[in-house]
Amino acid sequence: LLACVESYTLLQLDRPDFRQFFQRRADWLAHHQESGRLSNHQALIVLCLELLARLLKTNRWDAAKAQRLEQVLSWQDSEGWFQEYEGCDPGYHTLTVSCLAWVYALTQAQLPHSTLNTQHSTLKEAIAKAIHLAQHFVHPDGSYGGEYTSRNTYNFFPYGFELAGQWFPEALAINDRFLKGLAAQKEACYADDHIIGHHTWNYLLAWRDFVAARPPLRPRTPERIWLPNARILIDRREHTELYLALNKGGVFKLFEGDRLLCSDTQFSLQVQSGNKLKNAVGHLVGSYEMQVERDRILIQGNLGWAKQKQMTPLNLLILRAVMFTVGRFFPNLIRSLLQKVLITGKKPAPFRFVRQFQWQPGDNQGNGYWQLTDELHAQSWQKVTAAGIGCDQTSIYVVMSRTFQSGQLQPWLDLTDTVKHLPDGEVLRVERSLTR
């Protein structure tokens, strides 16, 4: 609907049949809620209803707009992030910011009255808080997000930062850091997955409304950003930056200077179960035991069984057939079931891990580094056919997280031979010094 309304407006069309079509779509969006908390979807709905209401000069969706916007704002955590399924996903966060910043810009403009004007100041505060959070997730090499986030995405939608940058200069620094990553080809590749359209419109709008006067980029200083609600830790020291997901078993990215030193998505095991192979992994969202100290971080818990179901062409055809028949009467129920099968929830596996980061101060030149110790406990290793630690394992079905990014070229740490020689009850122990 956003694409249709904007294209209609840009082409200066005058088609009653098109306007009637838009109205039907908007009515459906206004009166239907979806399962799961996906803030970016709700923010998109608010934007669509606002743009169409202005195009048609109607107050038909005033109540729906106000209710949806209130819902989005209520889903913003006190730390600044908007809920996406099971937590904080900085990638989709940027899309939510884009939509809300666009809505805010519309309510600022001298256009017909909107009921959203009454929520104007609250919206501005929410956008500023969201931008302040987003700035922390642009990596030193200009990449953004990744496997340590709730939905594993490298998404980056820049338009909202350009719009908000007109009144909140801090937002422009986010795009400037990301532009350096674009120049070095550190962005995710969407073309090979045929979903390039999801981002193209946003980049074009950011180019169109690019703010010419920009404040100089300031170098980052050592600091620790601990987000206890998101359970994400960002630790910046003299020459290292650690991005650590404690809600995902200690999945992390570590940078030295502007170089990605290590991307790690925890233990992955291939386990024989009857005549099938199952995957036990340490990177699923869950409730883990943790200790966060200045120079020591400890995470422990059980591995979980990876989601095995894939949306193959056959499964997609079956889904379309179901939705075309009985599914049309219970769309939200089927959506909810699919979310549980493909995305949310964790079933514990009989393998317990302990992951510890210990800061080593290094020499007089300040060349400190993180020492990482991993332990994996199991009563028996007999059914484990393969083991390792990868850089980009995700194990849930999120289309946007299947894109390529250069950090995924890091080597796999193969532990299969070690595991095959372990006696039952013995602990698998891996120690690494995370330095250049």
Protein backbone atom coordinates (compact mmCIF):
# COMPACT_ATOMS: atom_id res chain seq x y z
CA LEU A 1 0.00 0.00 0.00
CA LEU A 2 2.88 2.38 0.76
CA ALA A 3 4.39 1.75 -2.69
CA CYS A 4 1.02 2.18 -4.41
CA VAL A 5 0.07 5.42 -2.67
CA GLU A 6 3.48 7.01 -3.16
CA SER A 7 3.66 5.98 -6.82
CA TYR A 8 0.14 7.30 -7.42
CA THR A 9 1.11 10.62 -5.83
CA LEU A 10 4.44 10.97 -7.65
CA LEU A 11 2.81 10.24 -11.02
CA GLN A 12 0.03 12.77 -10.26
CA LEU A 13 -2.66 10.31 -11.25
CA ASP A 14 -6.40 10.89 -10.96
CA ARG A 15 -8.05 7.47 -10.91
CA PRO A 16 -11.18 6.89 -8.78
CA ASP A 17 -10.82 3.10 -9.18
CA PHE A 18 -7.27 3.24 -7.77
CA ARG A 19 -8.40 5.35 -4.82
CA GLN A 20 -11.20 2.89 -4.10
CA PHE A 21 -8.68 0.03 -4.18
CA PHE A 22 -6.39 1.88 -1.74
CA GLN A 23 -9.32 2.51 0.58
CA ARG A 24 -10.20 -1.20 0.73
CA ARG A 25 -6.61 -2.07 1.57
CA ALA A 26 -6.47 0.61 4.28
CA ASP A 27 -9.76 -0.54 5.79
CA TRP A 28 -8.38 -4.06 6.09
CA LEU A 29 -5.15 -2.87 7.72
CA ALA A 30 -7.05 -0.64 10.12
CA HIS A 31 -9.29 -3.44 11.38
CA HIS A 32 -6.97 -6.46 11.47
CA GLN A 33 -4.27 -7.23 14.03
CA GLU A 34 -1.55 -9.81 13.42
CA SER A 35 -0.03 -12.30 15.84
CA GLY A 36 3.34 -11.53 17.35
CA ARG A 37 4.84 -8.18 18.25
CA LEU A 38 6.48 -6.74 15.15
CA SER A 39 6.82 -3.01 15.66
CA ASN A 40 7.98 -2.29 12.11
CA HIS A 41 4.71 -3.69 10.69
CA GLN A 42 2.59 -1.51 12.95
CA ALA A 43 4.67 1.59 12.17
CA LEU A 44 4.22 0.87 8.44
CA ILE A 45 0.46 0.68 8.94
CA VAL A 46 0.41 4.06 10.71
CA LEU A 47 2.40 5.60 7.84
CA CYS A 48 0.14 4.10 5.17
CA LEU A 49 -3.04 5.29 6.86
CA GLU A 50 -1.62 8.78 7.35
CA LEU A 51 -0.45 9.13 3.73
CA LEU A 52 -3.72 7.83 2.31
CA ALA A 53 -5.83 9.98 4.62
CA ARG A 54 -4.00 13.04 3.32
CA LEU A 55 -4.33 11.89 -0.29
CA LEU A 56 -8.09 11.33 0.04
CA LYS A 57 -8.59 14.25 2.47
CA THR A 58 -10.51 12.09 4.92
CA ASN A 59 -10.60 11.41 8.65
CA ARG A 60 -11.86 7.86 8.06
CA TRP A 61 -8.92 6.18 9.86
CA ASP A 62 -8.23 8.74 12.59
CA ALA A 63 -9.06 6.39 15.46
CA ALA A 64 -7.11 3.51 13.92
CA LYS A 65 -4.04 5.69 13.31
CA ALA A 66 -4.00 6.96 16.88
CA GLN A 67 -4.51 3.45 18.29
CA ARG A 68 -1.76 1.87 16.16
CA LEU A 69 0.71 4.63 16.95
CA GLU A 70 -0.02 4.29 20.64
CA GLN A 71 0.58 0.54 20.29
CA VAL A 72 3.95 1.05 18.60
CA LEU A 73 5.08 3.52 21.25
CA SER A 74 3.97 1.17 24.03
CA TRP A 75 6.19 -1.53 22.48
CA GLN A 76 9.28 0.67 22.80
CA ASP A 77 11.47 -0.47 25.66
CA SER A 78 12.90 2.07 28.08
CA GLU A 79 16.30 1.31 26.48
CA GLY A 80 15.03 2.70 23.17
CA TRP A 81 14.45 -0.44 21.07
CA PHE A 82 11.13 -1.59 19.61
CA GLN A 83 9.93 -5.14 20.14
CA GLU A 84 10.52 -7.58 17.27
CA TYR A 85 9.29 -11.08 18.16
CA GLU A 86 11.52 -12.10 21.08
CA GLY A 87 13.57 -8.98 21.64
CA CYS A 88 15.74 -6.28 20.10
CA ASP A 89 16.61 -6.42 16.41
CA PRO A 90 18.58 -3.28 15.44
CA GLY A 91 17.96 -3.99 11.73
CA TYR A 92 14.17 -3.89 11.81
CA HIS A 93 14.53 -1.11 14.38
CA THR A 94 15.84 1.15 11.59
CA LEU A 95 12.72 0.46 9.50
CA THR A 96 10.50 1.40 12.44
CA VAL A 97 12.51 4.61 12.85
CA SER A 98 12.08 5.35 9.12
CA CYS A 99 8.31 5.03 9.31
CA LEU A 100 7.93 7.00 12.53
CA ALA A 101 10.26 9.77 11.33
CA TRP A 102 8.20 10.04 8.13
CA VAL A 103 4.98 10.25 10.14
CA TYR A 104 6.55 12.92 12.34
CA ALA A 105 7.66 14.90 9.28
CA LEU A 106 4.09 14.77 7.93
CA THR A 107 2.64 16.09 11.19
CA GLN A 108 5.21 18.92 11.13
CA ALA A 109 4.33 19.95 7.57
CA GLN A 110 1.65 22.48 6.75
CA LEU A 111 -0.78 19.84 5.54
CA PRO A 112 -4.40 19.08 6.46
CA HIS A 113 -5.04 18.46 10.15
CA SER A 114 -4.18 15.02 11.48
CA THR A 115 -5.19 13.41 14.75
CA LEU A 116 -1.55 12.34 15.07
CA ASN A 117 -0.63 15.96 15.80
CA THR A 118 -1.88 15.39 19.37
CA GLN A 119 0.82 12.68 19.80
CA HIS A 120 3.49 14.87 18.19
CA SER A 121 5.76 15.52 21.18
CA THR A 122 5.56 11.93 22.45
CA LEU A 123 6.48 10.67 18.98
CA LYS A 124 9.47 13.02 18.77
CA GLU A 125 10.81 11.77 22.11
CA ALA A 126 10.39 8.14 21.02
CA ILE A 127 12.27 8.74 17.76
CA ALA A 128 15.14 10.52 19.55
CA LYS A 129 15.45 7.65 22.04
CA ALA A 130 15.40 5.10 19.20
CA ILE A 131 18.12 6.99 17.31
CA HIS A 132 20.32 7.23 20.37
CA LEU A 133 20.13 3.43 20.67
CA ALA A 134 20.71 2.76 16.95
CA GLN A 135 24.00 4.67 16.88
CA HIS A 136 25.60 2.00 19.08
CA PHE A 137 25.04 -0.79 16.54
CA VAL A 138 27.05 0.64 13.64
CA HIS A 139 30.23 -1.42 13.80
CA PRO A 140 33.74 0.04 13.40
CA ASP A 141 33.91 -1.26 9.80
CA GLY A 142 30.58 0.38 8.90
CA SER A 143 28.52 -2.82 8.96
CA TYR A 144 25.37 -3.03 11.05
CA GLY A 145 23.61 -5.70 13.10
CA GLY A 146 23.99 -9.42 12.48
CA GLU A 147 23.58 -12.76 14.18
CA TYR A 148 23.75 -11.39 17.73
CA THR A 149 20.37 -9.67 17.31
CA SER A 150 16.91 -11.18 17.89
CA ARG A 151 16.13 -11.72 14.19
CA ASN A 152 19.72 -12.11 12.92
CA THR A 153 19.38 -9.36 10.32
CA TYR A 154 21.87 -7.00 8.70
CA ASN A 155 19.00 -4.70 7.72
CA PHE A 156 19.71 -1.00 7.56
CA PHE A 157 17.07 1.51 6.44
CA PRO A 158 18.69 4.98 6.32
CA TYR A 159 15.76 7.23 5.43
CA GLY A 160 14.54 7.89 8.96
CA PHE A 161 17.95 9.12 10.05
CA GLU A 162 18.05 11.68 7.22
CA LEU A 163 14.56 12.93 8.08
CA ALA A 164 15.22 13.09 11.81
CA GLY A 165 18.66 14.56 11.14
CA GLN A 166 16.93 17.80 10.14
CA TRP A 167 16.09 18.38 13.81
CA PHE A 168 18.32 15.84 15.58
CA PRO A 169 21.88 16.00 14.12
CA GLU A 170 22.96 12.92 16.09
CA ALA A 171 21.00 10.84 13.56
CA LEU A 172 23.20 11.94 10.63
CA ALA A 173 26.31 10.40 12.19
CA ILE A 174 24.63 6.97 11.97
CA ASN A 175 24.26 7.24 8.19
CA ASP A 176 27.75 8.71 7.80
CA ARG A 177 29.31 5.74 9.60
CA PHE A 178 27.22 3.34 7.52
CA LEU A 179 28.18 5.12 4.28
CA LYS A 180 31.83 4.30 5.05
CA GLY A 181 30.80 0.67 5.30
CA LEU A 182 29.00 0.89 1.95
CA ALA A 183 32.16 2.26 0.34
CA ALA A 184 34.08 -0.74 1.71
CA GLN A 185 31.34 -3.21 0.65
CA LYS A 186 30.47 -4.18 4.22
CA GLU A 187 26.73 -4.04 3.61
CA ALA A 188 24.60 -7.16 3.22
CA CYS A 189 23.85 -8.39 -0.32
CA TYR A 190 20.10 -8.55 -0.98
CA ALA A 191 20.14 -8.96 -4.76
CA ASP A 192 20.92 -12.68 -4.69
CA ASP A 193 17.81 -13.33 -2.59
CA HIS A 194 15.54 -11.26 -4.87
CA ILE A 195 14.44 -9.03 -1.97
CA ILE A 196 16.33 -5.94 -3.05
CA GLY A 197 13.06 -4.01 -3.34
CA HIS A 198 12.61 -4.05 0.42
CA HIS A 199 15.53 -1.65 0.74
CA THR A 200 15.76 0.20 -2.59
CA TRP A 201 12.89 2.62 -1.94
CA ASN A 202 14.33 3.59 1.43
CA TYR A 203 17.80 4.27 0.02
CA LEU A 204 16.36 6.35 -2.83
CA LEU A 205 14.37 8.48 -0.39
CA ALA A 206 17.45 8.93 1.79
CA TRP A 207 19.34 10.14 -1.30
CA ARG A 208 16.51 12.50 -2.28
CA ASP A 209 16.27 14.09 1.17
CA PHE A 210 19.99 13.93 2.03
CA VAL A 211 20.94 16.67 4.52
CA ALA A 212 23.80 18.70 3.06
CA ALA A 213 25.07 20.31 6.28
CA ARG A 214 26.41 17.52 8.46
CA PRO A 215 28.33 17.67 11.75
CA PRO A 216 31.83 16.13 11.73
CA LEU A 217 32.12 12.53 12.88
CA ARG A 218 33.56 12.25 16.34
CA PRO A 219 35.79 9.29 17.23
CA ARG A 220 34.29 6.84 19.67
CA THR A 221 35.68 6.68 23.17
CA PRO A 222 36.02 3.59 25.38
CA GLU A 223 32.73 2.84 27.12
CA ARG A 224 30.41 0.01 28.03
CA ILE A 225 26.79 -0.03 26.90
CA TRP A 226 24.86 -2.63 28.87
CA LEU A 227 21.22 -3.14 27.84
CA PRO A 228 19.82 -5.44 30.56
CA ASN A 229 16.34 -5.65 29.01
CA ALA A 230 17.68 -6.53 25.55
CA ARG A 231 20.49 -8.51 27.24
CA ILE A 232 23.01 -7.12 24.78
CA LEU A 233 26.41 -5.81 25.82
CA ILE A 234 28.62 -3.49 23.78
CA ASP A 235 32.10 -3.14 25.27
CA ARG A 236 34.50 -0.60 23.72
CA ARG A 237 38.09 -0.59 24.94
CA GLU A 238 41.36 0.94 23.68
CA HIS A 239 41.32 -0.86 20.34
CA THR A 240 38.57 -3.52 20.57
CA GLU A 241 34.78 -3.45 20.34
CA LEU A 242 32.74 -6.42 21.54
CA TYR A 243 29.06 -6.89 20.57
CA LEU A 244 27.69 -9.67 22.75
CA ALA A 245 24.20 -11.22 22.97
CA LEU A 246 23.69 -12.71 26.40
CA ASN A 247 20.13 -13.67 25.47
CA LYS A 248 21.55 -15.89 22.69
CA GLY A 249 24.08 -17.89 24.65
CA GLY A 250 26.96 -15.48 24.09
CA VAL A 251 26.86 -15.03 20.32
CA PHE A 252 29.24 -12.17 19.53
CA LYS A 253 31.18 -10.06 17.06
CA LEU A 254 34.58 -8.69 18.04
CA PHE A 255 36.36 -5.90 16.19
CA GLU A 256 39.97 -4.76 16.49
CA GLY A 257 40.32 -1.28 15.10
CA ASP A 258 38.06 -1.24 12.05
CA ARG A 259 38.58 -4.94 11.27
CA LEU A 260 36.24 -7.80 12.16
CA LEU A 261 38.41 -10.08 14.25
CA CYS A 262 35.88 -12.79 15.13
CA SER A 263 32.22 -13.56 14.46
CA ASP A 264 30.97 -16.42 16.63
CA THR A 265 27.54 -18.08 16.84
CA GLN A 266 28.29 -20.60 19.60
CA PHE A 267 28.44 -24.41 19.53
CA SER A 268 26.61 -26.31 16.81
CA LEU A 269 26.24 -30.10 17.05
CA GLN A 270 24.86 -32.63 14.60
CA VAL A 271 23.16 -35.39 16.57
CA GLN A 272 21.88 -38.76 15.35
CA SER A 273 18.24 -39.27 16.32
CA GLY A 274 16.91 -42.55 14.93
CA ASN A 275 17.37 -42.37 11.18
CA LYS A 276 17.48 -38.57 11.19
CA LEU A 277 20.03 -35.91 12.09
CA LYS A 278 19.10 -33.09 14.45
CA ASN A 279 21.04 -29.93 15.23
CA ALA A 280 21.70 -28.78 18.79
CA VAL A 281 22.82 -25.14 18.86
CA GLY A 282 23.78 -22.49 21.38
CA HIS A 283 22.51 -19.39 19.57
CA LEU A 284 18.73 -19.53 20.11
CA VAL A 285 17.02 -16.81 22.15
CA GLY A 286 16.49 -18.08 25.66
CA SER A 287 16.84 -17.40 29.36
CA TYR A 288 20.48 -18.06 30.29
CA GLU A 289 22.39 -17.66 33.53
CA MET A 290 24.80 -14.74 33.31
CA GLN A 291 27.32 -12.71 35.25
CA VAL A 292 28.49 -9.37 33.89
CA GLU A 293 31.55 -7.86 35.54
CA ARG A 294 34.06 -5.27 34.40
CA ASP A 295 36.65 -7.74 33.07
CA ARG A 296 34.73 -11.03 33.19
CA ILE A 297 31.52 -12.14 31.52
CA LEU A 298 29.95 -15.57 32.10
CA ILE A 299 27.02 -17.14 30.25
CA GLN A 300 25.76 -20.67 30.79
CA GLY A 301 22.76 -22.79 29.89
CA ASN A 302 21.55 -25.56 27.62
CA LEU A 303 21.87 -25.81 23.88
CA GLY A 304 18.55 -25.90 22.06
CA TRP A 305 17.21 -27.95 19.17
CA ALA A 306 17.40 -25.93 15.97
CA LYS A 307 14.29 -25.34 13.92
CA GLN A 308 14.21 -28.15 11.36
CA LYS A 309 11.27 -27.05 9.23
CA GLN A 310 12.14 -25.23 6.01
CA MET A 311 9.82 -23.31 3.68
CA THR A 312 10.66 -25.37 0.61
CA PRO A 313 8.82 -24.77 -2.69
CA LEU A 314 6.51 -27.71 -1.89
CA ASN A 315 5.74 -26.40 1.60
CA LEU A 316 5.07 -22.95 0.17
CA LEU A 317 2.66 -24.41 -2.39
CA ILE A 318 0.85 -26.32 0.37
CA LEU A 319 0.65 -23.14 2.46
CA ARG A 320 -0.81 -21.20 -0.48
CA ALA A 321 -3.41 -23.92 -1.03
CA VAL A 322 -4.39 -23.88 2.66
CA MET A 323 -4.64 -20.09 2.71
CA PHE A 324 -6.69 -20.05 -0.49
CA THR A 325 -9.27 -22.44 1.06
CA VAL A 326 -9.87 -22.73 4.82
CA GLY A 327 -6.94 -20.53 5.82
CA ARG A 328 -8.60 -17.34 4.64
CA PHE A 329 -11.07 -17.69 7.54
CA PHE A 330 -8.33 -18.14 10.18
CA PRO A 331 -5.29 -16.27 8.81
CA ASN A 332 -3.95 -15.11 12.16
CA LEU A 333 -4.17 -18.59 13.67
CA ILE A 334 -2.09 -20.04 10.84
CA ARG A 335 0.38 -17.17 11.06
CA SER A 336 0.77 -17.80 14.79
CA LEU A 337 1.35 -21.53 14.23
CA LEU A 338 3.97 -20.81 11.56
CA GLN A 339 5.78 -18.42 13.89
CA LYS A 340 6.00 -21.12 16.57
CA VAL A 341 7.22 -23.76 14.09
CA LEU A 342 9.71 -21.58 12.21
CA ILE A 343 10.83 -18.74 14.46
CA THR A 344 9.98 -18.46 18.15
CA GLY A 345 10.55 -20.73 21.14
CA LYS A 346 13.41 -22.97 22.25
CA LYS A 347 13.38 -26.68 23.17
CA PRO A 348 16.38 -27.54 25.41
CA ALA A 349 18.88 -30.15 24.20
CA PRO A 350 20.86 -32.42 26.62
CA PHE A 351 24.08 -30.43 26.25
CA ARG A 352 25.10 -27.72 28.73
CA PHE A 353 27.57 -24.98 27.85
CA VAL A 354 29.61 -22.51 29.88
CA ARG A 355 31.10 -19.53 28.02
CA GLN A 356 33.47 -17.14 29.77
CA PHE A 357 35.12 -13.94 28.52
CA GLN A 358 38.10 -12.75 30.55
CA TRP A 359 39.90 -9.49 29.75
CA GLN A 360 43.69 -9.77 29.69
CA PRO A 361 45.37 -6.37 30.18
CA GLY A 362 48.32 -7.13 27.89
CA ASP A 363 51.53 -5.08 27.82
CA ASN A 364 52.41 -1.48 28.66
CA GLN A 365 51.25 -0.34 25.22
CA GLY A 366 47.68 -1.24 26.17
CA ASN A 367 47.43 -4.24 23.86
CA GLY A 368 44.82 -6.01 25.94
CA TYR A 369 42.61 -8.75 24.55
CA TRP A 370 39.71 -11.04 25.43
CA GLN A 371 40.43 -14.62 26.46
CA LEU A 372 37.48 -16.88 25.61
CA THR A 373 36.91 -20.22 27.32
CA ASP A 374 34.11 -22.52 26.15
CA GLU A 375 32.99 -25.70 27.86
CA LEU A 376 30.36 -28.16 26.68
CA HIS A 377 29.04 -30.85 29.01
CA ALA A 378 27.26 -34.04 27.90
CA GLN A 379 26.49 -37.38 29.49
CA SER A 380 27.28 -39.09 26.19
CA TRP A 381 29.00 -38.07 22.95
CA GLN A 382 28.12 -41.29 21.12
CA LYS A 383 25.36 -39.81 18.93
CA VAL A 384 27.21 -36.58 18.07
CA THR A 385 28.33 -36.95 14.45
CA ALA A 386 29.74 -33.43 13.95
CA ALA A 387 30.61 -30.42 16.09
CA GLY A 388 31.91 -26.94 15.54
CA ILE A 389 31.59 -23.20 16.10
CA GLY A 390 30.47 -21.16 13.11
CA CYS A 391 30.39 -17.46 12.32
CA ASP A 392 26.86 -17.15 10.89
CA GLN A 393 24.59 -19.93 12.23
CA THR A 394 21.01 -18.74 12.85
CA SER A 395 18.61 -21.75 12.88
CA ILE A 396 15.34 -19.85 12.65
CA TYR A 397 13.41 -18.96 9.50
CA VAL A 398 13.77 -15.23 8.90
CA VAL A 399 14.10 -14.43 5.21
CA MET A 400 16.00 -11.21 5.82
CA SER A 401 18.64 -13.05 7.85
CA ARG A 402 19.66 -15.35 4.98
CA THR A 403 21.54 -12.64 3.13
CA PHE A 404 25.30 -12.68 2.49
CA GLN A 405 27.69 -10.38 4.34
CA SER A 406 31.48 -10.48 4.06
CA GLY A 407 31.94 -11.39 7.74
CA GLN A 408 30.41 -14.77 6.91
CA LEU A 409 33.64 -15.76 5.13
CA GLN A 410 35.34 -16.42 8.46
CA PRO A 411 36.48 -20.04 8.88
CA TRP A 412 34.45 -22.66 10.71
CA LEU A 413 36.09 -24.02 13.88
CA ASP A 414 35.72 -27.78 13.34
CA LEU A 415 35.63 -29.75 16.60
CA THR A 416 34.34 -33.04 15.17
CA ASP A 417 37.57 -34.99 15.56
CA THR A 418 37.96 -33.79 19.16
CA VAL A 419 34.42 -34.82 20.08
CA LYS A 420 34.79 -38.27 18.51
CA HIS A 421 37.71 -39.00 20.84
CA LEU A 422 35.96 -37.78 24.01
CA PRO A 423 34.84 -40.47 26.48
CA ASP A 424 31.29 -40.17 27.80
CA GLY A 425 30.98 -37.59 30.56
CA GLU A 426 34.19 -35.80 29.54
CA VAL A 427 33.96 -32.03 29.03
CA LEU A 428 34.70 -30.47 25.64
CA ARG A 429 36.89 -27.46 26.36
CA VAL A 430 37.99 -24.81 23.86
CA GLU A 431 40.26 -21.89 24.78
CA ARG A 432 40.97 -19.00 22.44
CA SER A 433 42.90 -15.73 22.70
CA LEU A 434 40.91 -13.26 20.61
CA THR A 435 43.71 -11.15 19.15
CA ARG A 436 45.01 -10.34 15.70
